[in-house]
C-alpha atoms as a PDB file:
ATOM      1  CA  MET A   1      73.010  73.981 127.208  1.00  0.00           C
ATOM      2  CA  SER A   2      70.423  73.451 125.453  1.00  0.00           C
ATOM      3  CA  ALA A   3      70.282  72.773 121.689  1.00  0.00           C
ATOM      4  CA  GLY A   4      67.521  75.520 121.922  1.00  0.00           C
ATOM      5  CA  ALA A   5      69.902  78.458 123.859  1.00  0.00           C
ATOM      6  CA  HIS A   6      72.394  78.255 120.183  1.00  0.00           C
ATOM      7  CA  ALA A   7      69.346  79.005 117.729  1.00  0.00           C
ATOM      8  CA  ALA A   8      70.056  82.377 115.689  1.00  0.00           C
ATOM      9  CA  ALA A   9      68.341  84.759 116.790  1.00  0.00           C
ATOM     10  CA  TRP A  10      69.695  86.982 113.881  1.00  0.00           C
ATOM     11  CA  SER A  11      71.766  86.186 111.233  1.00  0.00           C
ATOM     12  CA  ASP A  12      73.067  87.782 107.264  1.00  0.00           C
ATOM     13  CA  THR A  13      74.553  85.803 104.471  1.00  0.00           C
ATOM     14  CA  PHE A  14      75.734  86.800 101.717  1.00  0.00           C
ATOM     15  CA  VAL A  15      78.086  86.093  98.570  1.00  0.00           C
ATOM     16  CA  GLY A  16      80.424  88.428  97.331  1.00  0.00           C
ATOM     17  CA  TYR A  17      82.439  90.184  94.341  1.00  0.00           C
ATOM     18  CA  ARG A  18      86.034  92.020  94.808  1.00  0.00           C
ATOM     19  CA  TYR A  19      88.212  93.250  92.117  1.00  0.00           C
ATOM     20  CA  GLY A  20      91.349  95.079  91.986  1.00  0.00           C
ATOM     21  CA  THR A  21      95.057  95.339  89.839  1.00  0.00           C
ATOM     22  CA  GLN A  22      97.277  96.685  92.582  1.00  0.00           C
ATOM     23  CA  PHE A  23      97.985  94.057  95.059  1.00  0.00           C
ATOM     24  CA  MET A  24     101.132  92.780  95.870  1.00  0.00           C
ATOM     25  CA  GLU A  25     103.356  89.707  97.221  1.00  0.00           C
ATOM     26  CA  PRO A  26     106.699  90.002  99.540  1.00  0.00           C
ATOM     27  CA  ASN A  27     109.565  90.018  96.983  1.00  0.00           C
ATOM     28  CA  ASN A  28     107.568  90.700  93.929  1.00  0.00           C
ATOM     29  CA  PRO A  29     107.834  93.806  92.769  1.00  0.00           C
ATOM     30  CA  GLU A  30     104.657  93.724  90.006  1.00  0.00           C
ATOM     31  CA  ASN A  31     101.524  94.560  90.800  1.00  0.00           C
ATOM     32  CA  VAL A  32      99.481  91.967  90.929  1.00  0.00           C
ATOM     33  CA  GLU A  33      95.032  91.512  89.598  1.00  0.00           C
ATOM     34  CA  LYS A  34      93.127  89.414  91.594  1.00  0.00           C
ATOM     35  CA  HIS A  35      89.192  88.040  91.295  1.00  0.00           C
ATOM     36  CA  ILE A  36      88.105  87.333  95.100  1.00  0.00           C
ATOM     37  CA  LEU A  37      85.288  85.481  95.688  1.00  0.00           C
ATOM     38  CA  GLN A  38      83.614  85.716  99.302  1.00  0.00           C
ATOM     39  CA  PHE A  39      81.035  84.007 101.029  1.00  0.00           C
ATOM     40  CA  THR A  40      80.184  85.338 104.448  1.00  0.00           C
ATOM     41  CA  HIS A  41      78.265  84.843 107.635  1.00  0.00           C
ATOM     42  CA  VAL A  42      77.022  86.273 110.443  1.00  0.00           C
ATOM     43  CA  SER A  43      74.784  85.301 113.461  1.00  0.00           C
ATOM     44  CA  GLY A  44      73.394  86.008 116.878  1.00  0.00           C
ATOM     45  CA  TYR A  45      72.464  83.500 119.547  1.00  0.00           C
ATOM     46  CA  SER A  46      71.090  83.955 123.155  1.00  0.00           C
ATOM     47  CA  LEU A  47      74.613  84.402 124.402  1.00  0.00           C
ATOM     48  CA  GLY A  48      76.424  86.254 121.357  1.00  0.00           C
ATOM     49  CA  GLN A  49      77.262  85.873 118.476  1.00  0.00           C
ATOM     50  CA  ASN A  50      79.805  84.215 115.205  1.00  0.00           C
ATOM     51  CA  PHE A  51      81.399  85.354 112.256  1.00  0.00           C
ATOM     52  CA  PHE A  52      82.834  82.916 108.921  1.00  0.00           C
ATOM     53  CA  ASN A  53      84.584  84.570 106.314  1.00  0.00           C
ATOM     54  CA  LEU A  54      85.731  82.460 103.250  1.00  0.00           C
ATOM     55  CA  ASP A  55      87.709  83.921 101.006  1.00  0.00           C
ATOM     56  CA  LEU A  56      88.520  82.655  97.600  1.00  0.00           C
ATOM     57  CA  LEU A  57      91.199  84.767  95.472  1.00  0.00           C
ATOM     58  CA  GLN A  58      92.419  84.366  92.226  1.00  0.00           C
ATOM     59  CA  SER A  59      95.927  85.618  90.805  1.00  0.00           C
ATOM     60  CA  SER A  60      97.131  87.173  87.514  1.00  0.00           C
ATOM     61  CA  ASN A  61     100.267  85.188  86.201  1.00  0.00           C
ATOM     62  CA  GLU A  62     102.081  87.702  88.083  1.00  0.00           C
ATOM     63  CA  ASP A  63     101.678  85.774  91.118  1.00  0.00           C
ATOM     64  CA  PRO A  64     102.545  82.233  89.328  1.00  0.00           C
ATOM     65  CA  ALA A  65     101.372  79.543  90.716  1.00  0.00           C
ATOM     66  CA  SER A  66     104.098  76.394  91.486  1.00  0.00           C
ATOM     67  CA  ASN A  67     105.914  75.145  88.555  1.00  0.00           C
ATOM     68  CA  SER A  68     103.303  76.912  86.296  1.00  0.00           C
ATOM     69  CA  ASP A  69     102.346  80.141  84.433  1.00  0.00           C
ATOM     70  CA  SER A  70      99.139  80.685  85.857  1.00  0.00           C
ATOM     71  CA  GLY A  71      98.308  83.053  88.508  1.00  0.00           C
ATOM     72  CA  ALA A  72      97.852  80.896  92.086  1.00  0.00           C
ATOM     73  CA  THR A  73      95.131  80.329  93.946  1.00  0.00           C
ATOM     74  CA  GLU A  74      94.660  81.117  97.641  1.00  0.00           C
ATOM     75  CA  ALA A  75      91.583  80.232 100.288  1.00  0.00           C
ATOM     76  CA  TYR A  76      91.927  82.368 103.473  1.00  0.00           C
ATOM     77  CA  LEU A  77      89.490  81.371 106.496  1.00  0.00           C
ATOM     78  CA  THR A  78      88.401  83.474 109.240  1.00  0.00           C
ATOM     79  CA  TYR A  79      86.053  82.727 112.455  1.00  0.00           C
ATOM     80  CA  ARG A  80      85.335  84.480 115.212  1.00  0.00           C
ATOM     81  CA  HIS A  81      82.869  83.639 118.277  1.00  0.00           C
ATOM     82  CA  GLN A  82      81.647  86.379 120.430  1.00  0.00           C
ATOM     83  CA  LEU A  83      80.614  85.937 123.931  1.00  0.00           C
ATOM     84  CA  HIS A  84      78.568  88.740 125.053  1.00  0.00           C
ATOM     85  CA  ALA A  85      78.968  89.644 128.892  1.00  0.00           C
ATOM     86  CA  GLY A  86      75.607  91.159 128.933  1.00  0.00           C
ATOM     87  CA  SER A  87      73.782  87.710 127.371  1.00  0.00           C
ATOM     88  CA  VAL A  88      76.176  85.788 129.843  1.00  0.00           C
ATOM     89  CA  PHE A  89      75.633  87.734 132.827  1.00  0.00           C
ATOM     90  CA  ASP A  90      71.964  89.756 132.129  1.00  0.00           C
ATOM     91  CA  GLU A  91      73.895  92.719 132.561  1.00  0.00           C
ATOM     92  CA  PRO A  92      76.163  94.737 130.464  1.00  0.00           C
ATOM     93  CA  VAL A  93      79.719  95.567 131.155  1.00  0.00           C
ATOM     94  CA  ALA A  94      79.542  99.244 130.020  1.00  0.00           C
ATOM     95  CA  PHE A  95      80.727 102.674 131.044  1.00  0.00           C
ATOM     96  CA  GLY A  96      81.908 105.151 129.017  1.00  0.00           C
ATOM     97  CA  PRO A  97      81.164 104.721 125.175  1.00  0.00           C
ATOM     98  CA  VAL A  98      81.113 101.306 125.382  1.00  0.00           C
ATOM     99  CA  ARG A  99      77.999  99.852 125.311  1.00  0.00           C
ATOM    100  CA  ASP A 100      78.764  96.170 126.290  1.00  0.00           C
ATOM    101  CA  MET A 101      82.016  93.680 126.343  1.00  0.00           C
ATOM    102  CA  ALA A 102      82.891  90.646 124.690  1.00  0.00           C
ATOM    103  CA  LEU A 103      85.185  87.338 124.856  1.00  0.00           C
ATOM    104  CA  THR A 104      85.993  87.208 121.537  1.00  0.00           C
ATOM    105  CA  LEU A 105      87.680  83.551 120.442  1.00  0.00           C
ATOM    106  CA  GLY A 106      88.692  82.377 116.752  1.00  0.00           C
ATOM    107  CA  PHE A 107      90.917  81.412 114.273  1.00  0.00           C
ATOM    108  CA  ASP A 108      92.379  82.159 110.556  1.00  0.00           C
ATOM    109  CA  LEU A 109      93.646  79.361 108.094  1.00  0.00           C
ATOM    110  CA  ASN A 110      94.666  79.623 104.663  1.00  0.00           C
ATOM    111  CA  THR A 111      96.351  77.866 102.337  1.00  0.00           C
ATOM    112  CA  LYS A 112      98.075  79.212  98.954  1.00  0.00           C
ATOM    113  CA  ASN A 113      99.826  77.099  95.542  1.00  0.00           C
ATOM    114  CA  THR A 114     102.670  78.888  94.770  1.00  0.00           C
ATOM    115  CA  GLY A 115     106.181  77.430  95.598  1.00  0.00           C
ATOM    116  CA  PHE A 116     106.422  78.777  98.929  1.00  0.00           C
ATOM    117  CA  ALA A 117     103.053  77.016  99.962  1.00  0.00           C
ATOM    118  CA  PRO A 118     102.030  78.805 102.837  1.00  0.00           C
ATOM    119  CA  ARG A 119      99.450  76.513 105.668  1.00  0.00           C
ATOM    120  CA  LYS A 120      98.742  79.404 108.057  1.00  0.00           C
ATOM    121  CA  ARG A 121      96.730  78.331 111.149  1.00  0.00           C
ATOM    122  CA  GLN A 122      96.150  81.324 113.518  1.00  0.00           C
ATOM    123  CA  LEU A 123      94.373  81.876 117.114  1.00  0.00           C
ATOM    124  CA  VAL A 124      93.234  84.757 118.340  1.00  0.00           C
ATOM    125  CA  VAL A 125      91.561  85.216 122.233  1.00  0.00           C
ATOM    126  CA  GLY A 126      90.596  88.391 123.866  1.00  0.00           C
ATOM    127  CA  PRO A 127      88.207  90.890 124.967  1.00  0.00           C
ATOM    128  CA  THR A 128      85.805  92.891 122.746  1.00  0.00           C
ATOM    129  CA  PHE A 129      85.022  96.454 123.536  1.00  0.00           C
ATOM    130  CA  LYS A 130      81.489  96.832 121.817  1.00  0.00           C
ATOM    131  CA  PHE A 131      80.576 100.884 121.109  1.00  0.00           C
ATOM    132  CA  ASP A 132      77.418 102.313 121.204  1.00  0.00           C
ATOM    133  CA  VAL A 133      76.472 103.813 117.803  1.00  0.00           C
ATOM    134  CA  PRO A 134      73.029 105.293 116.624  1.00  0.00           C
ATOM    135  CA  ARG A 135      73.340 102.073 113.809  1.00  0.00           C
ATOM    136  CA  GLY A 136      75.438  99.461 112.879  1.00  0.00           C
ATOM    137  CA  PHE A 137      77.740  98.292 115.191  1.00  0.00           C
ATOM    138  CA  VAL A 138      81.850  99.198 115.531  1.00  0.00           C
ATOM    139  CA  ASP A 139      84.079  96.330 117.858  1.00  0.00           C
ATOM    140  CA  LEU A 140      87.089  96.788 119.013  1.00  0.00           C
ATOM    141  CA  SER A 141      89.332  93.828 119.947  1.00  0.00           C
ATOM    142  CA  LEU A 142      92.117  92.838 122.138  1.00  0.00           C
ATOM    143  CA  PHE A 143      93.764  89.742 120.614  1.00  0.00           C
ATOM    144  CA  TYR A 144      96.247  87.261 122.249  1.00  0.00           C
ATOM    145  CA  SER A 145      97.863  85.797 118.960  1.00  0.00           C
ATOM    146  CA  ARG A 146      99.735  82.440 118.104  1.00  0.00           C
ATOM    147  CA  GLU A 147     100.431  81.915 114.552  1.00  0.00           C
ATOM    148  CA  TRP A 148     102.188  78.239 112.950  1.00  0.00           C
ATOM    149  CA  ASN A 149     103.109  78.143 109.059  1.00  0.00           C
ATOM    150  CA  HIS A 150     104.751  77.090 106.285  1.00  0.00           C
ATOM    151  CA  CYS A 151     107.495  77.190 103.517  1.00  0.00           C
ATOM    152  CA  GLY A 152     107.720  74.857 100.686  1.00  0.00           C
ATOM    153  CA  LEU A 153     111.456  76.746  99.256  1.00  0.00           C
ATOM    154  CA  PRO A 154     115.138  75.361 100.177  1.00  0.00           C
ATOM    155  CA  PRO A 155     115.958  78.738 100.948  1.00  0.00           C
ATOM    156  CA  CYS A 156     113.817  79.389 103.548  1.00  0.00           C
ATOM    157  CA  GLY A 157     116.367  77.880 106.056  1.00  0.00           C
ATOM    158  CA  LEU A 158     114.038  75.433 108.625  1.00  0.00           C
ATOM    159  CA  PRO A 159     115.679  72.196 109.378  1.00  0.00           C
ATOM    160  CA  GLU A 160     115.915  69.726 107.143  1.00  0.00           C
ATOM    161  CA  ASN A 161     112.834  67.701 106.440  1.00  0.00           C
ATOM    162  CA  GLN A 162     110.603  70.484 108.885  1.00  0.00           C
ATOM    163  CA  ASN A 163     109.101  73.089 106.554  1.00  0.00           C
ATOM    164  CA  SER A 164     106.574  74.643 109.302  1.00  0.00           C
ATOM    165  CA  ILE A 165     107.736  77.143 111.520  1.00  0.00           C
ATOM    166  CA  SER A 166     106.167  78.931 114.652  1.00  0.00           C
ATOM    167  CA  PHE A 167     105.647  82.131 114.958  1.00  0.00           C
ATOM    168  CA  ASP A 168     106.483  84.128 119.011  1.00  0.00           C
ATOM    169  CA  PRO A 169     103.173  84.839 120.389  1.00  0.00           C
ATOM    170  CA  TYR A 170     102.000  88.203 119.343  1.00  0.00           C
ATOM    171  CA  TYR A 171      99.232  90.714 120.127  1.00  0.00           C
ATOM    172  CA  GLN A 172      96.975  91.888 117.669  1.00  0.00           C
ATOM    173  CA  ILE A 173      94.396  95.213 118.081  1.00  0.00           C
ATOM    174  CA  ASN A 174      91.696  95.089 115.543  1.00  0.00           C
ATOM    175  CA  LEU A 175      88.921  97.035 115.103  1.00  0.00           C
ATOM    176  CA  ALA A 176      85.688  96.360 112.829  1.00  0.00           C
ATOM    177  CA  TRP A 177      82.968  98.587 112.001  1.00  0.00           C
ATOM    178  CA  GLY A 178      80.159  98.420 109.850  1.00  0.00           C
ATOM    179  CA  LEU A 179      77.712 102.065 109.959  1.00  0.00           C
ATOM    180  CA  PRO A 180      74.628 102.361 107.669  1.00  0.00           C
ATOM    181  CA  PHE A 181      73.528 105.938 106.731  1.00  0.00           C
ATOM    182  CA  GLU A 182      72.108 107.982 103.970  1.00  0.00           C
ATOM    183  CA  VAL A 183      73.191 111.042 102.060  1.00  0.00           C
ATOM    184  CA  ALA A 184      70.104 112.785  99.444  1.00  0.00           C
ATOM    185  CA  ALA A 185      68.037 109.929  99.813  1.00  0.00           C
ATOM    186  CA  LEU A 186      70.854 106.803  98.955  1.00  0.00           C
ATOM    187  CA  PRO A 187      71.284 103.868 101.570  1.00  0.00           C
ATOM    188  CA  LEU A 188      75.022 103.604 101.796  1.00  0.00           C
ATOM    189  CA  LYS A 189      76.956 102.043 104.458  1.00  0.00           C
ATOM    190  CA  PHE A 190      80.908 102.561 105.062  1.00  0.00           C
ATOM    191  CA  GLN A 191      82.193  99.259 106.542  1.00  0.00           C
ATOM    192  CA  GLY A 192      85.613  97.223 107.116  1.00  0.00           C
ATOM    193  CA  PHE A 193      88.383  96.189 109.725  1.00  0.00           C
ATOM    194  CA  TYR A 194      91.727  97.339 110.750  1.00  0.00           C
ATOM    195  CA  ASN A 195      94.529  94.966 112.421  1.00  0.00           C
ATOM    196  CA  TYR A 196      97.580  95.941 113.521  1.00  0.00           C
ATOM    197  CA  ASN A 197      99.857  92.910 114.370  1.00  0.00           C
ATOM    198  CA  GLY A 198     102.539  92.733 116.846  1.00  0.00           C
ATOM    199  CA  ALA A 199     106.323  91.479 115.612  1.00  0.00           C
ATOM    200  CA  LYS A 200     106.413  88.150 115.863  1.00  0.00           C
ATOM    201  CA  GLY A 201     109.842  86.803 115.895  1.00  0.00           C
ATOM    202  CA  ASP A 202     112.344  85.413 113.127  1.00  0.00           C
ATOM    203  CA  ASP A 203     110.980  84.599 110.127  1.00  0.00           C
ATOM    204  CA  TYR A 204     111.888  81.677 107.831  1.00  0.00           C
ATOM    205  CA  PHE A 205     114.961  83.456 107.147  1.00  0.00           C
ATOM    206  CA  GLY A 206     116.262  84.022 110.806  1.00  0.00           C
ATOM    207  CA  ASP A 207     115.511  87.909 109.735  1.00  0.00           C
ATOM    208  CA  SER A 208     113.479  89.684 112.746  1.00  0.00           C
ATOM    209  CA  THR A 209     109.661  89.976 111.707  1.00  0.00           C
ATOM    210  CA  LYS A 210     108.253  93.677 112.216  1.00  0.00           C
ATOM    211  CA  PRO A 211     104.267  94.733 112.877  1.00  0.00           C
ATOM    212  CA  GLU A 212     102.269  94.619 109.939  1.00  0.00           C
ATOM    213  CA  GLN A 213      98.605  96.769 109.468  1.00  0.00           C
ATOM    214  CA  LEU A 214      95.852  95.470 107.289  1.00  0.00           C
ATOM    215  CA  MET A 215      93.016  97.570 106.540  1.00  0.00           C
ATOM    216  CA  ARG A 216      90.048  96.520 103.988  1.00  0.00           C
ATOM    217  CA  THR A 217      87.521  99.041 103.969  1.00  0.00           C
ATOM    218  CA  SER A 218      84.934 100.032 101.823  1.00  0.00           C
ATOM    219  CA  LEU A 219      81.415 102.079 101.022  1.00  0.00           C
ATOM    220  CA  MET A 220      78.520 100.249  99.264  1.00  0.00           C
ATOM    221  CA  LEU A 221      75.042 101.818  98.113  1.00  0.00           C
ATOM    222  CA  ASP A 222      72.063  99.499  98.373  1.00  0.00           C
ATOM    223  CA  VAL A 223      71.509  98.932  94.743  1.00  0.00           C
ATOM    224  CA  GLY A 224      68.541  96.885  95.421  1.00  0.00           C
ATOM    225  CA  GLN A 225      66.669  99.143  97.337  1.00  0.00           C
ATOM    226  CA  VAL A 226      67.425 102.273  95.059  1.00  0.00           C
ATOM    227  CA  ALA A 227      66.479  99.892  91.841  1.00  0.00           C
ATOM    228  CA  TRP A 228      63.465  97.439  92.826  1.00  0.00           C
ATOM    229  CA  GLY A 229      62.774  98.145  96.570  1.00  0.00           C
ATOM    230  CA  ALA A 230      64.584  95.033  97.862  1.00  0.00           C
ATOM    231  CA  LYS A 231      66.505  96.377 101.449  1.00  0.00           C
ATOM    232  CA  ASN A 232      69.921  94.484 101.759  1.00  0.00           C
ATOM    233  CA  SER A 233      69.522  92.471  98.894  1.00  0.00           C
ATOM    234  CA  LEU A 234      72.377  93.539  96.366  1.00  0.00           C
ATOM    235  CA  TRP A 235      75.278  96.026  97.411  1.00  0.00           C
ATOM    236  CA  ALA A 236      77.574  97.488  94.935  1.00  0.00           C
ATOM    237  CA  GLY A 237      80.793  99.827  95.448  1.00  0.00           C
ATOM    238  CA  VAL A 238      84.268 101.028  95.813  1.00  0.00           C
ATOM    239  CA  GLY A 239      86.586  99.767  98.123  1.00  0.00           C
ATOM    240  CA  TYR A 240      90.217 100.084  99.411  1.00  0.00           C
ATOM    241  CA  GLU A 241      93.191  97.685 101.237  1.00  0.00           C
ATOM    242  CA  TYR A 242      95.891  99.019 102.640  1.00  0.00           C
ATOM    243  CA  TRP A 243      98.950  96.484 104.154  1.00  0.00           C
ATOM    244  CA  ARG A 244     102.208  97.224 105.241  1.00  0.00           C
ATOM    245  CA  ASN A 245     104.609  94.812 106.462  1.00  0.00           C
ATOM    246  CA  LYS A 246     102.600  91.749 104.855  1.00  0.00           C
ATOM    247  CA  PHE A 247     103.670  89.080 106.733  1.00  0.00           C
ATOM    248  CA  GLY A 248     105.953  90.755 108.854  1.00  0.00           C
ATOM    249  CA  ASN A 249     108.338  90.948 106.333  1.00  0.00           C
ATOM    250  CA  HIS A 250     110.064  94.051 105.619  1.00  0.00           C
ATOM    251  CA  ASP A 251     112.725  95.666 103.492  1.00  0.00           C
ATOM    252  CA  LYS A 252     112.114  94.233 100.753  1.00  0.00           C
ATOM    253  CA  PRO A 253     109.901  94.551  97.201  1.00  0.00           C
ATOM    254  CA  GLY A 254     106.506  93.977  97.725  1.00  0.00           C
ATOM    255  CA  VAL A 255     105.895  94.029 101.014  1.00  0.00           C
ATOM    256  CA  ASP A 256     103.098  97.058 101.032  1.00  0.00           C
ATOM    257  CA  THR A 257      99.696  97.415  98.923  1.00  0.00           C
ATOM    258  CA  ASP A 258      97.668  99.877  98.046  1.00  0.00           C
ATOM    259  CA  ALA A 259      94.662  98.875  96.182  1.00  0.00           C
ATOM    260  CA  MET A 260      91.801  99.881  94.863  1.00  0.00           C
ATOM    261  CA  THR A 261      88.756  97.349  94.605  1.00  0.00           C
ATOM    262  CA  LEU A 262      85.297  97.427  92.600  1.00  0.00           C
ATOM    263  CA  ASN A 263      82.803  95.056  95.451  1.00  0.00           C
ATOM    264  CA  VAL A 264      79.422  93.555  95.129  1.00  0.00           C
ATOM    265  CA  GLU A 265      77.608  91.945  97.534  1.00  0.00           C
ATOM    266  CA  TRP A 266      74.452  89.922  97.383  1.00  0.00           C
ATOM    267  CA  HIS A 267      72.497  88.976 100.225  1.00  0.00           C
ATOM    268  CA  PHE A 268      70.276  86.444 101.152  1.00  0.00           C
END
C-alpha cells in the first residue's frame, strides 16, 4: 500500500493514572496497593484502526520485587489492529445491530520483576462485530489465542533448564465499549472492556487451568470541558476491576479481585 493509505484519519492519545488499594495476586492473601501509569493511543486510517496501550504498574510491598522488601514493578503492553470490512471491500458487512465487521490481530507482552518473573507473550486473531450505537462504540471480538510465559521459581515443576511454558490454544471473548452521554448538562463517558478466556491446559505445576474473566470499567467526567471549556482534555472519575481465576489459577488465595480505582486521563 502507498504511504498515504496509512495516514491517520483521526487519533486520540492520552496519559492516564489509576490508583487502588484492593488488588490481588495469586498465592498472596494480602490486598495490594497499586499506582498505575497508562499511555494509550488509538487512531484510524483508510482501512481500519490501531489501538496501543502500555500500563506501568507499581505495587506496594505486599507484592514484593524479587529479593527485595519494595513493591514490584510491572509493564504490560497491548496492541490491536482492525481491518474494517467496509473499508477493504467498499461495503460494510452489516446485519441486525451490527454496522460492520473487522478482522482483528494483536498481541500482549508483559514483564514483572518478582521471583516468578513472568514474561507473557500472547497472540490473538479473530472477527470483530462493530455494533451500531448512537455515539461512541461497542465492539465484540471472538479471538483464537496462543500464550507463552515464563516462571523463575524452582517449584514451578518445569523441566531442568527450561523456564518457559507454552499453553494450549484457547478462545477469548472480548467486549470493549466507550459510550459518551450527558446528565444534567455534565459530559460523561462510560468505558471499559471485558475478557472471557477459555481454559488453556495445564499450568506450571501440572494443574489444570480454569476459564478466566477480567473486566475493567470506569465512569468519567470531562473536567476540562466543565472547568475551562476544553473538550476532551482532562477526564476524571472512578473505575472498577473485576478479575476471576487470575491467569487461569483457581482454588488458591489471591486469584479473585474486586478493586475500586480513582482514574485520571490527560488527552493531547
